[in-house]
C-alpha atoms as a PDB file:
ATOM      1  CA  UNK A   1      88.953  76.769  80.634  1.00  0.00           C
ATOM      2  CA  UNK A   2      92.254  78.691  80.501  1.00  0.00           C
ATOM      3  CA  UNK A   3      93.105  80.852  83.522  1.00  0.00           C
ATOM      4  CA  UNK A   4      95.522  83.588  83.255  1.00  0.00           C
ATOM      5  CA  UNK A   5      98.472  82.966  85.654  1.00  0.00           C
ATOM      6  CA  UNK A   6      97.702  86.242  87.712  1.00  0.00           C
ATOM      7  CA  UNK A   7      94.257  84.708  88.789  1.00  0.00           C
ATOM      8  CA  UNK A   8      93.986  82.543  91.829  1.00  0.00           C
ATOM      9  CA  UNK A   9      91.915  79.389  91.941  1.00  0.00           C
ATOM     10  CA  UNK A  10      89.082  81.152  93.876  1.00  0.00           C
ATOM     11  CA  UNK A  11      88.778  83.686  91.092  1.00  0.00           C
ATOM     12  CA  UNK A  12      88.444  80.789  88.331  1.00  0.00           C
ATOM     13  CA  UNK A  13      85.921  79.040  90.728  1.00  0.00           C
ATOM     14  CA  UNK A  14      83.840  82.414  91.013  1.00  0.00           C
ATOM     15  CA  UNK A  15      83.856  82.672  87.322  1.00  0.00           C
ATOM     16  CA  UNK A  16      82.358  79.229  86.952  1.00  0.00           C
ATOM     17  CA  UNK A  17      79.748  80.164  89.652  1.00  0.00           C
ATOM     18  CA  UNK A  18      79.041  83.232  87.740  1.00  0.00           C
ATOM     19  CA  UNK A  19      77.976  81.643  84.676  1.00  0.00           C
ATOM     20  CA  UNK A  20      75.239  79.671  86.360  1.00  0.00           C
ATOM     21  CA  UNK A  21      72.908  82.475  87.551  1.00  0.00           C
ATOM     22  CA  UNK A  22      70.888  80.775  90.196  1.00  0.00           C
ATOM     23  CA  UNK A  23      73.910  79.431  92.048  1.00  0.00           C
ATOM     24  CA  UNK A  24      75.887  82.635  91.792  1.00  0.00           C
ATOM     25  CA  UNK A  25      72.559  84.278  93.438  1.00  0.00           C
ATOM     26  CA  UNK A  26      72.675  81.839  96.361  1.00  0.00           C
ATOM     27  CA  UNK A  27      76.594  82.099  96.633  1.00  0.00           C
ATOM     28  CA  UNK A  28      76.116  86.087  96.635  1.00  0.00           C
ATOM     29  CA  UNK A  29      73.416  86.146  99.063  1.00  0.00           C
ATOM     30  CA  UNK A  30      75.058  83.835 101.558  1.00  0.00           C
ATOM     31  CA  UNK A  31      78.426  85.815 101.189  1.00  0.00           C
ATOM     32  CA  UNK A  32      76.578  89.169 101.985  1.00  0.00           C
ATOM     33  CA  UNK A  33      74.595  87.462 104.920  1.00  0.00           C
ATOM     34  CA  UNK A  34      78.066  86.403 106.324  1.00  0.00           C
ATOM     35  CA  UNK A  35      79.627  89.837 105.947  1.00  0.00           C
ATOM     36  CA  UNK A  36      76.619  91.344 107.543  1.00  0.00           C
ATOM     37  CA  UNK A  37      76.762  89.065 110.426  1.00  0.00           C
ATOM     38  CA  UNK A  38      80.675  89.671 110.931  1.00  0.00           C
ATOM     39  CA  UNK A  39      79.960  93.545 110.790  1.00  0.00           C
ATOM     40  CA  UNK A  40      77.091  93.295 113.313  1.00  0.00           C
ATOM     41  CA  UNK A  41      78.798  91.108 115.649  1.00  0.00           C
ATOM     42  CA  UNK A  42      82.172  93.211 115.780  1.00  0.00           C
ATOM     43  CA  UNK A  43      80.105  96.334 116.229  1.00  0.00           C
ATOM     44  CA  UNK A  44      78.121  94.933 118.975  1.00  0.00           C
ATOM     45  CA  UNK A  45      81.258  93.479 120.662  1.00  0.00           C
ATOM     46  CA  UNK A  46      83.174  96.958 120.215  1.00  0.00           C
ATOM     47  CA  UNK A  47      80.628  99.248 120.945  1.00  0.00           C
ATOM     48  CA  UNK A  48      78.180  97.413 123.579  1.00  0.00           C
ATOM     49  CA  UNK A  49      80.441  94.800 125.244  1.00  0.00           C
ATOM     50  CA  UNK A  50      83.595  97.132 125.314  1.00  0.00           C
ATOM     51  CA  UNK A  51      85.714  94.368 123.796  1.00  0.00           C
ATOM     52  CA  UNK A  52      89.115  95.868 122.446  1.00  0.00           C
ATOM     53  CA  UNK A  53      90.912  92.540 121.438  1.00  0.00           C
ATOM     54  CA  UNK A  54      89.894  90.427 118.519  1.00  0.00           C
ATOM     55  CA  UNK A  55      91.180  87.275 117.033  1.00  0.00           C
ATOM     56  CA  UNK A  56      90.041  86.664 113.537  1.00  0.00           C
ATOM     57  CA  UNK A  57      90.790  82.726 113.018  1.00  0.00           C
ATOM     58  CA  UNK A  58      90.241  81.471 109.290  1.00  0.00           C
ATOM     59  CA  UNK A  59      90.288  85.083 108.013  1.00  0.00           C
ATOM     60  CA  UNK A  60      90.098  84.496 104.075  1.00  0.00           C
ATOM     61  CA  UNK A  61      91.129  86.884 101.591  1.00  0.00           C
ATOM     62  CA  UNK A  62      90.760  90.619 102.633  1.00  0.00           C
ATOM     63  CA  UNK A  63      87.738  92.244 101.500  1.00  0.00           C
ATOM     64  CA  UNK A  64      85.609  95.485 102.625  1.00  0.00           C
ATOM     65  CA  UNK A  65      84.768  95.853 106.267  1.00  0.00           C
ATOM     66  CA  UNK A  66      87.301  93.512 107.641  1.00  0.00           C
ATOM     67  CA  UNK A  67      87.351  93.050 111.547  1.00  0.00           C
ATOM     68  CA  UNK A  68      89.891  95.711 112.271  1.00  0.00           C
ATOM     69  CA  UNK A  69      88.053  98.285 110.010  1.00  0.00           C
ATOM     70  CA  UNK A  70      84.870  97.712 111.898  1.00  0.00           C
ATOM     71  CA  UNK A  71      86.219  97.449 115.299  1.00  0.00           C
ATOM     72  CA  UNK A  72      88.698 100.512 114.889  1.00  0.00           C
ATOM     73  CA  UNK A  73      85.613 102.807 113.569  1.00  0.00           C
ATOM     74  CA  UNK A  74      84.095 102.341 117.025  1.00  0.00           C
ATOM     75  CA  UNK A  75      87.332 101.958 119.131  1.00  0.00           C
ATOM     76  CA  UNK A  76      90.648 103.106 117.374  1.00  0.00           C
ATOM     77  CA  UNK A  77      92.557 101.438 119.996  1.00  0.00           C
ATOM     78  CA  UNK A  78      91.023  98.085 119.292  1.00  0.00           C
ATOM     79  CA  UNK A  79      93.701  95.418 118.607  1.00  0.00           C
ATOM     80  CA  UNK A  80      93.327  92.593 116.041  1.00  0.00           C
ATOM     81  CA  UNK A  81      95.165  89.376 115.309  1.00  0.00           C
ATOM     82  CA  UNK A  82      94.274  87.693 111.950  1.00  0.00           C
ATOM     83  CA  UNK A  83      95.420  83.967 111.621  1.00  0.00           C
ATOM     84  CA  UNK A  84      95.069  81.979 108.544  1.00  0.00           C
ATOM     85  CA  UNK A  85      97.003  78.922 107.247  1.00  0.00           C
ATOM     86  CA  UNK A  86      96.458  79.854 103.618  1.00  0.00           C
ATOM     87  CA  UNK A  87      99.645  81.333 102.154  1.00  0.00           C
ATOM     88  CA  UNK A  88      97.942  83.257  99.560  1.00  0.00           C
ATOM     89  CA  UNK A  89      95.785  84.787 102.483  1.00  0.00           C
ATOM     90  CA  UNK A  90      98.678  85.651 104.447  1.00  0.00           C
ATOM     91  CA  UNK A  91     100.414  87.342 101.208  1.00  0.00           C
ATOM     92  CA  UNK A  92      97.457  89.399 100.415  1.00  0.00           C
ATOM     93  CA  UNK A  93      97.107  90.599 104.135  1.00  0.00           C
ATOM     94  CA  UNK A  94     100.764  91.487 104.421  1.00  0.00           C
ATOM     95  CA  UNK A  95     100.718  93.569 101.094  1.00  0.00           C
ATOM     96  CA  UNK A  96      97.427  95.418 102.227  1.00  0.00           C
ATOM     97  CA  UNK A  97      98.965  96.079 105.655  1.00  0.00           C
ATOM     98  CA  UNK A  98     102.197  97.365 104.331  1.00  0.00           C
ATOM     99  CA  UNK A  99     100.557  99.552 101.944  1.00  0.00           C
ATOM    100  CA  UNK A 100      98.637 101.339 104.564  1.00  0.00           C
ATOM    101  CA  UNK A 101      99.794 104.654 106.182  1.00  0.00           C
ATOM    102  CA  UNK A 102     101.780 104.099 109.345  1.00  0.00           C
ATOM    103  CA  UNK A 103      99.500 104.071 112.495  1.00  0.00           C
ATOM    104  CA  UNK A 104      96.278 104.503 110.465  1.00  0.00           C
ATOM    105  CA  UNK A 105      94.860 101.193 111.441  1.00  0.00           C
ATOM    106  CA  UNK A 106      96.135 100.694 114.780  1.00  0.00           C
ATOM    107  CA  UNK A 107      97.869  97.406 116.009  1.00  0.00           C
ATOM    108  CA  UNK A 108      97.228  94.350 113.522  1.00  0.00           C
ATOM    109  CA  UNK A 109      99.053  91.216 113.290  1.00  0.00           C
ATOM    110  CA  UNK A 110      99.045  88.434 110.633  1.00  0.00           C
ATOM    111  CA  UNK A 111     100.000  85.204 111.746  1.00  0.00           C
ATOM    112  CA  UNK A 112     100.188  81.898 109.904  1.00  0.00           C
ATOM    113  CA  UNK A 113      98.436  78.738 111.172  1.00  0.00           C
ATOM    114  CA  UNK A 114     100.664  76.484 112.952  1.00  0.00           C
ATOM    115  CA  UNK A 115     100.434  72.618 112.531  1.00  0.00           C
ATOM    116  CA  UNK A 116     100.895  70.563 115.844  1.00  0.00           C
END
């Protein structure tokens, strides 16, 4: 399989999964369930428990309803720190954060994982 240079390994892996219908269906269901759990958990912590500081470890590639988006919909003053040791995740996160209007998302930090 030839993968264009601008695609990431995750993209090519996803295309392989997409070709086998049943596996993709399972993958898709698991991904939606995981995202739903993250959204419900952050909403509960911000709304009901009054949490205003969040640490997202092993962030992964940015997608819809990231931790800061869910938390700051409820509490605009919420602070989020994202940590991941994958350089591609860090590059995407930094690009997304710099493309956002100043102060539109509140305080967010992106940190690389540190090996000890």
